[in-house]
N, C-alpha and C. Protein backbone atom coordinates (compact mmCIF):
# COMPACT_ATOMS: atom_id res chain seq x y z
N MET A 1 -4.62 2.14 -96.77
CA MET A 1 -5.97 1.98 -97.29
C MET A 1 -6.46 0.56 -96.97
N MET A 2 -7.71 0.46 -96.57
CA MET A 2 -8.27 -0.83 -96.21
C MET A 2 -8.76 -1.55 -97.46
N GLU A 3 -8.49 -2.87 -97.52
CA GLU A 3 -8.95 -3.66 -98.65
C GLU A 3 -10.44 -3.94 -98.53
N HIS A 4 -11.09 -4.11 -99.68
CA HIS A 4 -12.51 -4.44 -99.70
C HIS A 4 -12.71 -5.85 -99.15
N ASN A 5 -13.73 -6.02 -98.34
CA ASN A 5 -14.04 -7.32 -97.78
C ASN A 5 -15.55 -7.48 -97.77
N SER A 6 -16.04 -8.52 -98.41
CA SER A 6 -17.49 -8.71 -98.49
C SER A 6 -18.02 -9.69 -97.45
N ASP A 7 -17.21 -10.01 -96.45
CA ASP A 7 -17.61 -10.92 -95.38
C ASP A 7 -18.36 -10.14 -94.31
N PHE A 8 -19.67 -10.41 -94.17
CA PHE A 8 -20.49 -9.67 -93.21
C PHE A 8 -19.98 -9.83 -91.79
N ARG A 9 -19.54 -11.03 -91.41
CA ARG A 9 -19.06 -11.24 -90.05
C ARG A 9 -17.82 -10.40 -89.76
N TYR A 10 -16.95 -10.29 -90.74
CA TYR A 10 -15.76 -9.44 -90.59
C TYR A 10 -16.18 -7.98 -90.43
N ASP A 11 -17.09 -7.54 -91.30
CA ASP A 11 -17.58 -6.15 -91.24
C ASP A 11 -18.23 -5.87 -89.89
N LEU A 12 -19.01 -6.82 -89.38
CA LEU A 12 -19.67 -6.65 -88.09
C LEU A 12 -18.64 -6.54 -86.97
N LYS A 13 -17.63 -7.40 -87.01
CA LYS A 13 -16.57 -7.37 -86.00
C LYS A 13 -15.85 -6.03 -86.03
N MET A 14 -15.49 -5.55 -87.21
CA MET A 14 -14.80 -4.27 -87.33
C MET A 14 -15.70 -3.12 -86.88
N GLY A 15 -16.99 -3.20 -87.21
CA GLY A 15 -17.93 -2.17 -86.77
C GLY A 15 -18.00 -2.09 -85.26
N LYS A 16 -18.02 -3.25 -84.60
CA LYS A 16 -18.09 -3.28 -83.14
C LYS A 16 -16.81 -2.72 -82.52
N VAL A 17 -15.66 -3.01 -83.12
CA VAL A 17 -14.39 -2.47 -82.62
C VAL A 17 -14.43 -0.95 -82.66
N HIS A 18 -14.92 -0.40 -83.77
CA HIS A 18 -14.94 1.05 -83.91
C HIS A 18 -16.05 1.70 -83.07
N GLU A 19 -17.15 1.00 -82.89
CA GLU A 19 -18.20 1.49 -81.98
C GLU A 19 -17.66 1.59 -80.56
N GLN A 20 -16.91 0.58 -80.14
CA GLN A 20 -16.33 0.59 -78.80
C GLN A 20 -15.33 1.74 -78.66
N TRP A 21 -14.49 1.92 -79.67
CA TRP A 21 -13.51 3.02 -79.64
C TRP A 21 -14.23 4.36 -79.51
N LEU A 22 -15.25 4.58 -80.33
CA LEU A 22 -15.97 5.86 -80.29
C LEU A 22 -16.69 6.03 -78.95
N GLY A 23 -17.32 4.98 -78.45
CA GLY A 23 -18.01 5.08 -77.17
C GLY A 23 -17.06 5.42 -76.05
N THR A 24 -15.89 4.78 -76.04
CA THR A 24 -14.88 5.07 -75.02
C THR A 24 -14.41 6.51 -75.13
N MET A 25 -14.17 6.97 -76.36
CA MET A 25 -13.73 8.35 -76.55
C MET A 25 -14.77 9.33 -76.02
N LEU A 26 -16.02 9.10 -76.36
CA LEU A 26 -17.07 10.05 -75.97
C LEU A 26 -17.38 10.02 -74.47
N THR A 27 -17.09 8.93 -73.81
CA THR A 27 -17.40 8.87 -72.38
C THR A 27 -16.19 9.10 -71.49
N ASP A 28 -15.00 8.75 -71.95
CA ASP A 28 -13.81 8.81 -71.09
C ASP A 28 -12.82 9.92 -71.44
N ALA A 29 -12.81 10.37 -72.67
CA ALA A 29 -11.83 11.37 -73.10
C ALA A 29 -12.36 12.78 -72.84
N THR A 30 -11.43 13.73 -72.77
CA THR A 30 -11.82 15.14 -72.67
C THR A 30 -11.89 15.69 -74.09
N ILE A 31 -13.01 16.34 -74.39
CA ILE A 31 -13.25 16.88 -75.73
C ILE A 31 -13.65 18.34 -75.60
N GLU A 32 -12.91 19.21 -76.27
CA GLU A 32 -13.28 20.62 -76.34
C GLU A 32 -14.13 20.80 -77.58
N VAL A 33 -15.30 21.39 -77.41
CA VAL A 33 -16.25 21.53 -78.52
C VAL A 33 -16.28 22.97 -78.99
N LYS A 34 -16.14 23.15 -80.30
CA LYS A 34 -16.17 24.48 -80.91
C LYS A 34 -17.27 24.51 -81.96
N ARG A 35 -17.96 25.64 -82.05
CA ARG A 35 -18.96 25.86 -83.10
C ARG A 35 -18.51 27.07 -83.88
N ASP A 36 -18.10 26.86 -85.12
CA ASP A 36 -17.65 27.94 -86.00
C ASP A 36 -18.78 28.22 -86.98
N PHE A 37 -19.48 29.32 -86.76
CA PHE A 37 -20.66 29.63 -87.57
C PHE A 37 -20.33 30.01 -89.01
N MET A 38 -19.09 30.38 -89.29
CA MET A 38 -18.69 30.73 -90.65
C MET A 38 -18.26 29.51 -91.46
N ALA A 39 -17.99 28.39 -90.80
CA ALA A 39 -17.47 27.21 -91.47
C ALA A 39 -18.39 26.72 -92.58
N ASP A 40 -19.69 26.85 -92.40
CA ASP A 40 -20.62 26.39 -93.42
C ASP A 40 -20.50 27.20 -94.70
N LYS A 41 -20.18 28.46 -94.57
CA LYS A 41 -20.03 29.33 -95.75
C LYS A 41 -18.64 29.24 -96.36
N THR A 42 -17.62 29.13 -95.50
CA THR A 42 -16.24 29.20 -95.98
C THR A 42 -15.59 27.84 -96.20
N GLY A 43 -16.10 26.80 -95.55
CA GLY A 43 -15.48 25.49 -95.62
C GLY A 43 -14.23 25.39 -94.76
N ARG A 44 -14.02 26.40 -93.90
CA ARG A 44 -12.84 26.43 -93.03
C ARG A 44 -13.26 26.72 -91.59
N VAL A 45 -12.45 26.27 -90.65
CA VAL A 45 -12.66 26.58 -89.23
C VAL A 45 -11.51 27.45 -88.75
N PHE A 46 -11.82 28.32 -87.81
CA PHE A 46 -10.81 29.18 -87.19
C PHE A 46 -10.28 28.45 -85.97
N VAL A 47 -8.97 28.23 -85.93
CA VAL A 47 -8.33 27.56 -84.80
C VAL A 47 -7.45 28.58 -84.09
N GLU A 48 -7.89 28.96 -82.92
CA GLU A 48 -7.25 30.02 -82.12
C GLU A 48 -6.04 29.48 -81.36
N PHE A 49 -5.01 30.34 -81.27
CA PHE A 49 -3.87 29.99 -80.42
C PHE A 49 -3.46 31.12 -79.49
N GLU A 50 -4.03 32.32 -79.69
CA GLU A 50 -3.73 33.45 -78.81
C GLU A 50 -4.93 34.38 -78.77
N SER A 51 -5.20 34.95 -77.59
CA SER A 51 -6.27 35.93 -77.46
C SER A 51 -5.85 37.01 -76.47
N ARG A 52 -5.99 38.24 -76.92
CA ARG A 52 -5.65 39.40 -76.09
C ARG A 52 -4.24 39.29 -75.51
N GLY A 53 -3.31 38.81 -76.35
CA GLY A 53 -1.91 38.74 -75.96
C GLY A 53 -1.53 37.56 -75.09
N LYS A 54 -2.46 36.63 -74.85
CA LYS A 54 -2.17 35.47 -74.00
C LYS A 54 -2.44 34.17 -74.76
N ALA A 55 -1.70 33.12 -74.39
CA ALA A 55 -1.93 31.81 -74.98
C ALA A 55 -3.38 31.39 -74.74
N SER A 56 -3.99 30.84 -75.77
CA SER A 56 -5.37 30.37 -75.67
C SER A 56 -5.59 29.29 -76.73
N GLY A 57 -6.80 28.82 -76.80
CA GLY A 57 -7.13 27.83 -77.83
C GLY A 57 -6.25 26.60 -77.75
N ILE A 58 -5.67 26.21 -78.89
CA ILE A 58 -4.89 24.97 -78.92
C ILE A 58 -3.60 25.05 -78.11
N THR A 59 -3.11 26.24 -77.83
CA THR A 59 -1.86 26.34 -77.06
C THR A 59 -2.10 26.18 -75.56
N SER A 60 -3.33 26.36 -75.10
CA SER A 60 -3.60 26.22 -73.67
C SER A 60 -4.58 25.11 -73.34
N SER A 61 -5.12 24.44 -74.35
CA SER A 61 -6.12 23.40 -74.13
C SER A 61 -5.50 22.17 -73.49
N HIS A 62 -6.24 21.55 -72.57
CA HIS A 62 -5.83 20.30 -71.95
C HIS A 62 -6.68 19.13 -72.45
N ALA A 63 -7.56 19.41 -73.42
CA ALA A 63 -8.43 18.37 -73.96
C ALA A 63 -7.61 17.38 -74.79
N GLU A 64 -8.11 16.17 -74.88
CA GLU A 64 -7.47 15.16 -75.73
C GLU A 64 -7.92 15.30 -77.18
N TYR A 65 -9.15 15.77 -77.38
CA TYR A 65 -9.74 15.92 -78.71
C TYR A 65 -10.40 17.28 -78.81
N TRP A 66 -10.50 17.76 -80.04
CA TRP A 66 -11.33 18.93 -80.33
C TRP A 66 -12.41 18.49 -81.29
N ALA A 67 -13.64 18.94 -81.05
CA ALA A 67 -14.76 18.66 -81.93
C ALA A 67 -15.24 19.97 -82.52
N PHE A 68 -15.33 20.01 -83.83
CA PHE A 68 -15.87 21.18 -84.53
C PHE A 68 -17.28 20.81 -84.97
N VAL A 69 -18.27 21.51 -84.41
CA VAL A 69 -19.66 21.25 -84.75
C VAL A 69 -20.00 22.09 -85.97
N LEU A 70 -20.50 21.41 -87.00
CA LEU A 70 -20.90 22.06 -88.24
C LEU A 70 -22.42 22.05 -88.29
N SER A 71 -23.00 22.63 -89.31
CA SER A 71 -24.46 22.66 -89.40
C SER A 71 -25.00 21.26 -89.69
N GLY A 72 -26.29 21.09 -89.52
CA GLY A 72 -26.93 19.82 -89.83
C GLY A 72 -26.55 18.71 -88.88
N HIS A 73 -26.21 19.07 -87.65
CA HIS A 73 -25.85 18.08 -86.63
C HIS A 73 -24.68 17.20 -87.07
N ARG A 74 -23.69 17.83 -87.69
CA ARG A 74 -22.47 17.13 -88.10
C ARG A 74 -21.32 17.67 -87.27
N ALA A 75 -20.35 16.80 -87.00
CA ALA A 75 -19.17 17.23 -86.26
C ALA A 75 -17.94 16.50 -86.78
N VAL A 76 -16.80 17.15 -86.65
CA VAL A 76 -15.52 16.55 -86.97
C VAL A 76 -14.73 16.53 -85.66
N ILE A 77 -14.26 15.35 -85.25
CA ILE A 77 -13.52 15.20 -84.00
C ILE A 77 -12.08 14.85 -84.35
N VAL A 78 -11.15 15.63 -83.79
CA VAL A 78 -9.74 15.49 -84.13
C VAL A 78 -8.91 15.42 -82.84
N PRO A 79 -7.96 14.49 -82.76
CA PRO A 79 -7.06 14.50 -81.60
C PRO A 79 -6.31 15.84 -81.55
N LEU A 80 -6.14 16.39 -80.36
CA LEU A 80 -5.49 17.69 -80.23
C LEU A 80 -4.09 17.69 -80.84
N ASP A 81 -3.32 16.64 -80.64
CA ASP A 81 -1.97 16.59 -81.23
C ASP A 81 -2.02 16.69 -82.75
N THR A 82 -2.97 16.01 -83.36
CA THR A 82 -3.13 16.07 -84.82
C THR A 82 -3.54 17.47 -85.24
N LEU A 83 -4.46 18.07 -84.50
CA LEU A 83 -4.90 19.43 -84.82
C LEU A 83 -3.75 20.41 -84.74
N LYS A 84 -2.89 20.25 -83.75
CA LYS A 84 -1.72 21.13 -83.63
C LYS A 84 -0.79 20.99 -84.83
N GLU A 85 -0.59 19.76 -85.30
CA GLU A 85 0.25 19.54 -86.48
C GLU A 85 -0.34 20.22 -87.71
N ILE A 86 -1.64 20.05 -87.91
CA ILE A 86 -2.33 20.66 -89.04
C ILE A 86 -2.23 22.18 -88.94
N ALA A 87 -2.44 22.72 -87.73
CA ALA A 87 -2.38 24.17 -87.52
C ALA A 87 -0.98 24.72 -87.79
N ARG A 88 0.06 24.00 -87.35
CA ARG A 88 1.43 24.45 -87.61
C ARG A 88 1.71 24.51 -89.11
N GLU A 89 1.26 23.48 -89.82
CA GLU A 89 1.46 23.45 -91.28
C GLU A 89 0.71 24.60 -91.94
N GLN A 90 -0.51 24.85 -91.51
CA GLN A 90 -1.29 25.96 -92.07
C GLN A 90 -0.64 27.29 -91.74
N TYR A 91 -0.11 27.43 -90.55
CA TYR A 91 0.59 28.65 -90.15
C TYR A 91 1.79 28.91 -91.07
N ARG A 92 2.54 27.85 -91.39
CA ARG A 92 3.69 28.00 -92.29
C ARG A 92 3.25 28.42 -93.69
N LYS A 93 2.09 27.91 -94.12
CA LYS A 93 1.60 28.21 -95.47
C LYS A 93 1.00 29.60 -95.60
N THR A 94 0.15 29.97 -94.63
CA THR A 94 -0.65 31.19 -94.81
C THR A 94 -0.47 32.24 -93.72
N GLY A 95 0.21 31.88 -92.63
CA GLY A 95 0.38 32.84 -91.55
C GLY A 95 -0.84 32.95 -90.67
N VAL A 96 -0.89 34.04 -89.94
CA VAL A 96 -1.90 34.27 -88.90
C VAL A 96 -3.07 35.06 -89.46
N VAL A 97 -4.26 34.77 -88.93
CA VAL A 97 -5.44 35.59 -89.21
C VAL A 97 -6.06 36.00 -87.87
N LYS A 98 -6.74 37.13 -87.89
CA LYS A 98 -7.47 37.57 -86.70
C LYS A 98 -8.87 37.00 -86.74
N GLY A 99 -9.41 36.71 -85.55
CA GLY A 99 -10.76 36.17 -85.50
C GLY A 99 -11.30 36.24 -84.09
N GLY A 100 -12.36 35.50 -83.87
CA GLY A 100 -12.99 35.50 -82.55
C GLY A 100 -13.80 36.76 -82.33
N ASP A 101 -14.26 36.94 -81.11
CA ASP A 101 -15.06 38.11 -80.76
C ASP A 101 -14.23 39.38 -80.94
N ASN A 102 -14.74 40.30 -81.72
CA ASN A 102 -14.09 41.59 -82.00
C ASN A 102 -12.68 41.45 -82.58
N ASN A 103 -12.40 40.32 -83.24
CA ASN A 103 -11.08 40.09 -83.85
C ASN A 103 -9.94 40.27 -82.86
N THR A 104 -10.13 39.83 -81.62
CA THR A 104 -9.08 39.97 -80.59
C THR A 104 -8.23 38.71 -80.46
N SER A 105 -8.51 37.72 -81.29
CA SER A 105 -7.77 36.46 -81.21
C SER A 105 -6.94 36.26 -82.47
N LEU A 106 -5.88 35.47 -82.33
CA LEU A 106 -5.04 35.09 -83.46
C LEU A 106 -5.18 33.60 -83.67
N GLY A 107 -5.15 33.18 -84.92
CA GLY A 107 -5.26 31.76 -85.22
C GLY A 107 -4.99 31.51 -86.68
N VAL A 108 -5.39 30.33 -87.11
CA VAL A 108 -5.25 29.94 -88.51
C VAL A 108 -6.60 29.43 -89.00
N LEU A 109 -6.79 29.52 -90.30
CA LEU A 109 -7.99 28.96 -90.92
C LEU A 109 -7.62 27.63 -91.55
N ILE A 110 -8.35 26.59 -91.18
CA ILE A 110 -8.07 25.24 -91.66
C ILE A 110 -9.28 24.72 -92.43
N ASN A 111 -9.03 24.19 -93.61
CA ASN A 111 -10.10 23.58 -94.40
C ASN A 111 -10.66 22.38 -93.64
N VAL A 112 -11.99 22.29 -93.60
CA VAL A 112 -12.63 21.18 -92.89
C VAL A 112 -12.14 19.85 -93.45
N GLY A 113 -11.97 19.77 -94.76
CA GLY A 113 -11.49 18.54 -95.37
C GLY A 113 -10.13 18.12 -94.86
N ASP A 114 -9.27 19.07 -94.52
CA ASP A 114 -7.95 18.75 -94.00
C ASP A 114 -8.03 18.11 -92.62
N LEU A 115 -9.09 18.36 -91.89
CA LEU A 115 -9.26 17.76 -90.57
C LEU A 115 -9.62 16.29 -90.67
N MET A 116 -10.10 15.87 -91.84
CA MET A 116 -10.56 14.50 -92.00
C MET A 116 -9.57 13.60 -92.71
N LYS A 117 -8.41 14.11 -93.00
CA LYS A 117 -7.39 13.30 -93.70
C LYS A 117 -6.67 12.41 -92.74
């Protein structure tokens, strides 16, 4: 946890560091973007790992990050390795759910809040 600091110059310096990090990520990294239309109602996103009997989603992605676009022009961006860890833990807890077009995909449902921890 970061300590409170009321020094504006320190805050400005830290803001610039994080602006640079985000700018580099958005311009240089590979990001797979997903829009889960049910997430606004359920508070969860569907993370696919298999479709029609073949590896897909997080098991076949070569992206460095995944971005889940939510309503109101909001997004959660997660490193793929972190997303895989969260998905494995969710799989152990709740198992597999069907989803995607015509329920032909397998995956897990992850709480949006868990993506931001």
